[in-house]
Amino acid sequence: MLSRRGSKTLIEVDGGINTKTLADVSAAGADVFVAGSAIFGSPDYAQTIRRFRELLASA
């Protein structure tokens, strides 16, 4: 698998990922995001994941 920057190395960020930080972290070059408390602390997991995907698609 290649990162979106063409590298075989993927950059993962674990911690502090939420709907407010996701776009900035993606713009900084991260490819993989660990968002445990942002998802599991939300009232609707599926909606939160959909929102993350929307944010990444527009980044």
Protein backbone atom coordinates (compact mmCIF):
# COMPACT_ATOMS: atom_id res chain seq x y z
CA MET A 1 0.00 0.00 0.00
CA LEU A 2 1.28 3.47 -0.85
CA SER A 3 0.52 6.54 1.17
CA ARG A 4 -1.19 9.41 -0.61
CA ARG A 5 2.24 11.02 -0.96
CA GLY A 6 3.62 8.02 -2.86
CA SER A 7 5.65 6.51 -0.03
CA LYS A 8 5.45 2.91 1.16
CA THR A 9 5.60 4.24 4.70
CA LEU A 10 2.29 5.22 6.26
CA ILE A 11 2.20 7.84 8.99
CA GLU A 12 -0.16 7.05 11.86
CA VAL A 13 -1.37 9.46 14.51
CA ASP A 14 -2.74 8.00 17.73
CA GLY A 15 -4.26 10.41 20.21
CA GLY A 16 -6.08 13.70 20.00
CA ILE A 17 -7.87 12.84 16.77
CA ASN A 18 -11.38 14.26 16.58
CA THR A 19 -13.53 16.24 14.15
CA LYS A 20 -11.65 19.43 15.04
CA THR A 21 -8.13 18.05 14.53
CA LEU A 22 -8.60 15.52 11.73
CA ALA A 23 -8.25 17.89 8.76
CA ASP A 24 -5.10 19.54 10.13
CA VAL A 25 -3.45 16.21 10.92
CA SER A 26 -4.34 14.91 7.46
CA ALA A 27 -2.96 18.06 5.83
CA ALA A 28 0.26 17.57 7.81
CA GLY A 29 0.71 14.20 6.09
CA ALA A 30 -0.87 11.55 8.28
CA ASP A 31 -2.39 8.55 6.49
CA VAL A 32 -3.80 6.52 9.40
CA PHE A 33 -5.80 7.94 12.31
CA VAL A 34 -6.59 6.37 15.68
CA ALA A 35 -9.63 8.04 17.17
CA GLY A 36 -10.77 5.86 20.04
CA SER A 37 -12.37 8.26 22.49
CA ALA A 38 -13.72 10.53 19.73
CA ILE A 39 -15.67 7.59 18.32
CA PHE A 40 -16.46 5.49 21.38
CA GLY A 41 -17.29 8.56 23.47
CA SER A 42 -19.83 9.77 20.93
CA PRO A 43 -23.52 8.91 21.16
CA ASP A 44 -23.59 7.60 17.57
CA TYR A 45 -20.47 5.73 16.43
CA ALA A 46 -21.64 5.37 12.83
CA GLN A 47 -22.42 9.08 12.47
CA THR A 48 -19.04 10.04 13.91
CA ILE A 49 -17.22 7.72 11.51
CA ARG A 50 -19.27 9.11 8.58
CA ARG A 51 -18.28 12.63 9.64
CA PHE A 52 -14.60 11.65 9.79
CA ARG A 53 -14.86 10.24 6.28
CA GLU A 54 -16.56 13.42 5.03
CA LEU A 55 -13.82 15.55 6.55
CA LEU A 56 -11.10 13.43 4.97
CA ALA A 57 -12.80 13.48 1.58
CA SER A 58 -12.90 17.27 1.60
CA ALA A 59 -9.34 17.68 2.91
